Amino acid sequence: MGLSGVGRKTANLVMSCAFDKPAIVVDTHVYRTSRRLGLTEQKKADKIEFDLRGILPEKKWSKFSVLLVSHGRETCKAKKPLCPGCPVSHLCNYYAEISGKIG
């Protein structure tokens, strides 16, 4: 992170992908999905990262980040999440909230 233009997200991504070190990369998808799932209430990426670190075993950090990114791109979309077909909707605070409003 000492390099100009390199923040926490990029540093964690390089650590994980290039050096195979456990890291949680908080991008827009991880931000959104972790909040919707109720894994954090934080609004700052670094605080979300530390909340997720506290929940997950270190060896799962990198894989979990990749899974949340994929889930956020494919299912838990920003504007139109595909909640009814979501495999983790039964664990999701967001789905519980919206299904009560539409159900």
N, C-alpha and C. Protein backbone atom coordinates (compact mmCIF):
# COMPACT_ATOMS: atom_id res chain seq x y z
N MET A 1 0.82 -1.19 0.00
CA MET A 1 0.00 0.00 0.00
C MET A 1 0.87 1.26 0.00
N GLY A 2 2.16 1.10 0.13
CA GLY A 2 3.05 2.23 0.09
C GLY A 2 3.25 2.80 -1.30
N LEU A 3 2.80 2.08 -2.31
CA LEU A 3 2.92 2.57 -3.68
C LEU A 3 1.78 3.54 -3.98
N SER A 4 2.10 4.57 -4.74
CA SER A 4 1.11 5.56 -5.12
C SER A 4 -0.03 4.90 -5.90
N GLY A 5 -1.27 5.17 -5.48
CA GLY A 5 -2.43 4.64 -6.17
C GLY A 5 -2.84 3.24 -5.76
N VAL A 6 -2.09 2.63 -4.88
CA VAL A 6 -2.42 1.27 -4.42
C VAL A 6 -3.07 1.36 -3.04
N GLY A 7 -4.31 0.96 -2.99
CA GLY A 7 -5.04 0.95 -1.73
C GLY A 7 -5.15 -0.45 -1.17
N ARG A 8 -5.94 -0.55 -0.15
CA ARG A 8 -6.10 -1.83 0.56
C ARG A 8 -6.66 -2.92 -0.36
N LYS A 9 -7.67 -2.58 -1.17
CA LYS A 9 -8.28 -3.58 -2.05
C LYS A 9 -7.25 -4.15 -3.03
N THR A 10 -6.50 -3.29 -3.68
CA THR A 10 -5.50 -3.74 -4.65
C THR A 10 -4.40 -4.53 -3.96
N ALA A 11 -3.95 -4.05 -2.83
CA ALA A 11 -2.89 -4.75 -2.09
C ALA A 11 -3.35 -6.15 -1.69
N ASN A 12 -4.58 -6.26 -1.21
CA ASN A 12 -5.10 -7.57 -0.82
C ASN A 12 -5.27 -8.49 -2.02
N LEU A 13 -5.69 -7.93 -3.14
CA LEU A 13 -5.85 -8.72 -4.36
C LEU A 13 -4.50 -9.27 -4.83
N VAL A 14 -3.48 -8.44 -4.81
CA VAL A 14 -2.13 -8.88 -5.21
C VAL A 14 -1.62 -9.94 -4.23
N MET A 15 -1.80 -9.71 -2.94
CA MET A 15 -1.36 -10.70 -1.95
C MET A 15 -2.02 -12.05 -2.19
N SER A 16 -3.32 -12.02 -2.47
CA SER A 16 -4.07 -13.26 -2.65
C SER A 16 -3.72 -13.95 -3.96
N CYS A 17 -3.77 -13.22 -5.06
CA CYS A 17 -3.60 -13.83 -6.39
C CYS A 17 -2.14 -14.09 -6.75
N ALA A 18 -1.28 -13.15 -6.46
CA ALA A 18 0.12 -13.27 -6.89
C ALA A 18 0.97 -14.04 -5.89
N PHE A 19 0.67 -13.89 -4.61
CA PHE A 19 1.52 -14.50 -3.59
C PHE A 19 0.84 -15.60 -2.80
N ASP A 20 -0.40 -15.93 -3.16
CA ASP A 20 -1.16 -17.01 -2.52
C ASP A 20 -1.23 -16.85 -1.00
N LYS A 21 -1.39 -15.61 -0.56
CA LYS A 21 -1.54 -15.31 0.87
C LYS A 21 -3.02 -15.05 1.14
N PRO A 22 -3.54 -15.50 2.26
CA PRO A 22 -4.94 -15.25 2.58
C PRO A 22 -5.23 -13.75 2.68
N ALA A 23 -6.28 -13.31 2.01
CA ALA A 23 -6.66 -11.90 2.05
C ALA A 23 -8.13 -11.78 1.68
N ILE A 24 -8.79 -10.80 2.25
CA ILE A 24 -10.17 -10.49 1.90
C ILE A 24 -10.15 -9.22 1.08
N VAL A 25 -10.66 -9.34 -0.14
CA VAL A 25 -10.72 -8.22 -1.06
C VAL A 25 -12.15 -7.67 -1.04
N VAL A 26 -12.30 -6.46 -0.54
CA VAL A 26 -13.63 -5.86 -0.46
C VAL A 26 -13.84 -4.92 -1.64
N ASP A 27 -14.51 -5.45 -2.66
CA ASP A 27 -14.91 -4.63 -3.80
C ASP A 27 -16.39 -4.32 -3.64
N THR A 28 -17.00 -3.76 -4.66
CA THR A 28 -18.41 -3.38 -4.57
C THR A 28 -19.32 -4.59 -4.32
N HIS A 29 -18.97 -5.74 -4.89
CA HIS A 29 -19.80 -6.94 -4.72
C HIS A 29 -19.69 -7.50 -3.30
N VAL A 30 -18.48 -7.57 -2.78
CA VAL A 30 -18.27 -8.05 -1.41
C VAL A 30 -18.94 -7.09 -0.43
N TYR A 31 -18.80 -5.81 -0.69
CA TYR A 31 -19.45 -4.79 0.14
C TYR A 31 -20.96 -5.05 0.21
N ARG A 32 -21.58 -5.15 -0.95
CA ARG A 32 -23.03 -5.30 -1.02
C ARG A 32 -23.51 -6.64 -0.44
N THR A 33 -22.92 -7.72 -0.88
CA THR A 33 -23.41 -9.04 -0.47
C THR A 33 -23.16 -9.32 1.01
N SER A 34 -22.03 -8.90 1.52
CA SER A 34 -21.77 -9.15 2.95
C SER A 34 -22.73 -8.36 3.83
N ARG A 35 -23.09 -7.17 3.39
CA ARG A 35 -24.07 -6.37 4.15
C ARG A 35 -25.47 -6.99 4.02
N ARG A 36 -25.84 -7.39 2.82
CA ARG A 36 -27.18 -7.98 2.64
C ARG A 36 -27.33 -9.28 3.40
N LEU A 37 -26.26 -10.06 3.45
CA LEU A 37 -26.32 -11.34 4.18
C LEU A 37 -26.26 -11.15 5.69
N GLY A 38 -26.00 -9.94 6.14
CA GLY A 38 -25.94 -9.67 7.57
C GLY A 38 -24.61 -10.03 8.20
N LEU A 39 -23.58 -10.16 7.40
CA LEU A 39 -22.26 -10.48 7.93
C LEU A 39 -21.56 -9.26 8.52
N THR A 40 -22.04 -8.09 8.15
CA THR A 40 -21.50 -6.84 8.67
C THR A 40 -22.55 -5.75 8.53
N GLU A 41 -22.43 -4.75 9.35
CA GLU A 41 -23.26 -3.56 9.20
C GLU A 41 -22.40 -2.36 8.84
N GLN A 42 -21.12 -2.60 8.70
CA GLN A 42 -20.17 -1.52 8.41
C GLN A 42 -20.40 -0.95 7.02
N LYS A 43 -19.94 0.29 6.83
CA LYS A 43 -20.08 0.95 5.53
C LYS A 43 -18.73 1.29 4.92
N LYS A 44 -17.66 1.04 5.63
CA LYS A 44 -16.32 1.30 5.11
C LYS A 44 -15.64 -0.03 4.81
N ALA A 45 -14.98 -0.09 3.65
CA ALA A 45 -14.40 -1.35 3.18
C ALA A 45 -13.43 -1.97 4.18
N ASP A 46 -12.58 -1.17 4.80
CA ASP A 46 -11.61 -1.74 5.74
C ASP A 46 -12.30 -2.34 6.95
N LYS A 47 -13.37 -1.72 7.40
CA LYS A 47 -14.11 -2.25 8.55
C LYS A 47 -14.87 -3.53 8.17
N ILE A 48 -15.38 -3.57 6.94
CA ILE A 48 -16.03 -4.79 6.45
C ILE A 48 -15.01 -5.91 6.40
N GLU A 49 -13.83 -5.61 5.87
CA GLU A 49 -12.75 -6.61 5.81
C GLU A 49 -12.47 -7.19 7.20
N PHE A 50 -12.35 -6.33 8.19
CA PHE A 50 -12.03 -6.82 9.53
C PHE A 50 -13.19 -7.59 10.15
N ASP A 51 -14.42 -7.21 9.86
CA ASP A 51 -15.57 -8.01 10.33
C ASP A 51 -15.52 -9.41 9.72
N LEU A 52 -15.28 -9.48 8.41
CA LEU A 52 -15.22 -10.78 7.74
C LEU A 52 -14.04 -11.61 8.25
N ARG A 53 -12.94 -10.96 8.52
CA ARG A 53 -11.79 -11.67 9.10
C ARG A 53 -12.16 -12.33 10.43
N GLY A 54 -12.99 -11.65 11.20
CA GLY A 54 -13.40 -12.17 12.50
C GLY A 54 -14.36 -13.34 12.41
N ILE A 55 -15.03 -13.48 11.28
CA ILE A 55 -16.03 -14.53 11.10
C ILE A 55 -15.44 -15.79 10.47
N LEU A 56 -14.50 -15.58 9.55
CA LEU A 56 -13.98 -16.68 8.73
C LEU A 56 -12.61 -17.16 9.18
N PRO A 57 -12.33 -18.44 9.03
CA PRO A 57 -10.96 -18.91 9.26
C PRO A 57 -10.05 -18.31 8.18
N GLU A 58 -8.85 -17.96 8.55
CA GLU A 58 -7.92 -17.29 7.65
C GLU A 58 -7.71 -18.03 6.33
N LYS A 59 -7.67 -19.33 6.38
CA LYS A 59 -7.41 -20.11 5.16
C LYS A 59 -8.56 -19.99 4.14
N LYS A 60 -9.71 -19.47 4.56
CA LYS A 60 -10.86 -19.34 3.66
C LYS A 60 -11.07 -17.91 3.14
N TRP A 61 -10.26 -16.96 3.60
CA TRP A 61 -10.48 -15.56 3.23
C TRP A 61 -10.51 -15.34 1.73
N SER A 62 -9.49 -15.79 1.03
CA SER A 62 -9.37 -15.52 -0.41
C SER A 62 -10.52 -16.16 -1.19
N LYS A 63 -10.80 -17.41 -0.91
CA LYS A 63 -11.88 -18.12 -1.62
C LYS A 63 -13.22 -17.47 -1.35
N PHE A 64 -13.46 -17.06 -0.11
CA PHE A 64 -14.72 -16.43 0.25
C PHE A 64 -14.91 -15.13 -0.52
N SER A 65 -13.85 -14.35 -0.66
CA SER A 65 -13.92 -13.11 -1.44
C SER A 65 -14.33 -13.40 -2.87
N VAL A 66 -13.70 -14.39 -3.46
CA VAL A 66 -14.01 -14.76 -4.86
C VAL A 66 -15.47 -15.20 -4.97
N LEU A 67 -15.92 -15.99 -4.02
CA LEU A 67 -17.31 -16.46 -4.05
C LEU A 67 -18.31 -15.31 -3.90
N LEU A 68 -18.02 -14.36 -3.01
CA LEU A 68 -18.92 -13.23 -2.86
C LEU A 68 -18.94 -12.34 -4.10
N VAL A 69 -17.79 -12.17 -4.74
CA VAL A 69 -17.75 -11.39 -5.98
C VAL A 69 -18.61 -12.07 -7.03
N SER A 70 -18.44 -13.36 -7.20
CA SER A 70 -19.22 -14.12 -8.17
C SER A 70 -20.71 -14.05 -7.85
N HIS A 71 -21.04 -14.24 -6.59
CA HIS A 71 -22.45 -14.18 -6.16
C HIS A 71 -23.04 -12.80 -6.43
N GLY A 72 -22.27 -11.76 -6.17
CA GLY A 72 -22.73 -10.40 -6.40
C GLY A 72 -22.91 -10.08 -7.87
N ARG A 73 -22.10 -10.66 -8.72
CA ARG A 73 -22.22 -10.43 -10.16
C ARG A 73 -23.38 -11.20 -10.78
N GLU A 74 -23.56 -12.44 -10.32
CA GLU A 74 -24.52 -13.33 -10.96
C GLU A 74 -25.91 -13.33 -10.32
N THR A 75 -25.98 -13.22 -9.02
CA THR A 75 -27.25 -13.39 -8.32
C THR A 75 -27.66 -12.17 -7.50
N CYS A 76 -26.79 -11.73 -6.64
CA CYS A 76 -27.10 -10.64 -5.72
C CYS A 76 -26.74 -9.30 -6.36
N LYS A 77 -27.37 -9.03 -7.48
CA LYS A 77 -27.07 -7.84 -8.28
C LYS A 77 -27.52 -6.58 -7.54
N ALA A 78 -26.85 -5.49 -7.85
CA ALA A 78 -27.12 -4.24 -7.14
C ALA A 78 -28.56 -3.76 -7.31
N LYS A 79 -29.00 -3.65 -8.54
CA LYS A 79 -30.31 -3.05 -8.78
C LYS A 79 -31.45 -4.06 -8.79
N LYS A 80 -31.18 -5.27 -9.26
CA LYS A 80 -32.24 -6.27 -9.36
C LYS A 80 -31.71 -7.62 -8.89
N PRO A 81 -31.60 -7.81 -7.57
CA PRO A 81 -31.11 -9.10 -7.09
C PRO A 81 -32.10 -10.21 -7.42
N LEU A 82 -31.56 -11.38 -7.69
CA LEU A 82 -32.38 -12.53 -8.07
C LEU A 82 -32.67 -13.40 -6.84
N CYS A 83 -33.29 -12.79 -5.86
CA CYS A 83 -33.51 -13.43 -4.57
C CYS A 83 -34.29 -14.75 -4.63
N PRO A 84 -35.37 -14.85 -5.38
CA PRO A 84 -36.12 -16.10 -5.37
C PRO A 84 -35.30 -17.32 -5.81
N GLY A 85 -34.32 -17.14 -6.67
CA GLY A 85 -33.50 -18.26 -7.11
C GLY A 85 -32.17 -18.36 -6.39
N CYS A 86 -31.98 -17.55 -5.39
CA CYS A 86 -30.69 -17.51 -4.68
C CYS A 86 -30.52 -18.71 -3.75
N PRO A 87 -29.38 -19.39 -3.84
CA PRO A 87 -29.16 -20.57 -2.99
C PRO A 87 -28.94 -20.25 -1.51
N VAL A 88 -28.71 -18.99 -1.19
CA VAL A 88 -28.50 -18.63 0.23
C VAL A 88 -29.56 -17.65 0.73
N SER A 89 -30.67 -17.54 0.02
CA SER A 89 -31.71 -16.60 0.44
C SER A 89 -32.24 -16.91 1.84
N HIS A 90 -32.21 -18.18 2.22
CA HIS A 90 -32.69 -18.56 3.56
C HIS A 90 -31.77 -18.04 4.68
N LEU A 91 -30.58 -17.59 4.32
CA LEU A 91 -29.62 -17.03 5.29
C LEU A 91 -29.55 -15.51 5.22
N CYS A 92 -30.29 -14.92 4.31
CA CYS A 92 -30.10 -13.52 3.93
C CYS A 92 -31.04 -12.56 4.64
N ASN A 93 -30.47 -11.59 5.34
CA ASN A 93 -31.27 -10.56 6.01
C ASN A 93 -32.04 -9.71 5.00
N TYR A 94 -31.40 -9.37 3.90
CA TYR A 94 -32.03 -8.55 2.88
C TYR A 94 -33.27 -9.25 2.32
N TYR A 95 -33.14 -10.52 1.99
CA TYR A 95 -34.27 -11.27 1.44
C TYR A 95 -35.40 -11.37 2.47
N ALA A 96 -35.06 -11.59 3.71
CA ALA A 96 -36.08 -11.66 4.76
C ALA A 96 -36.83 -10.34 4.85
N GLU A 97 -36.11 -9.26 4.70
CA GLU A 97 -36.73 -7.94 4.77
C GLU A 97 -37.64 -7.68 3.57
N ILE A 98 -37.16 -7.95 2.36
CA ILE A 98 -37.98 -7.64 1.18
C ILE A 98 -39.10 -8.64 0.99
N SER A 99 -38.91 -9.89 1.38
CA SER A 99 -39.97 -10.88 1.18
C SER A 99 -41.15 -10.59 2.10
N GLY A 100 -40.89 -10.00 3.26
CA GLY A 100 -41.96 -9.60 4.15
C GLY A 100 -42.78 -8.45 3.58
N LYS A 101 -42.13 -7.63 2.76
CA LYS A 101 -42.80 -6.48 2.16
C LYS A 101 -43.60 -6.86 0.92
N ILE A 102 -43.16 -7.94 0.22
CA ILE A 102 -43.85 -8.32 -1.01
C ILE A 102 -44.69 -9.58 -0.83
N GLY A 103 -44.53 -10.26 0.32
CA GLY A 103 -45.19 -11.55 0.51
C GLY A 103 -46.43 -11.49 1.29
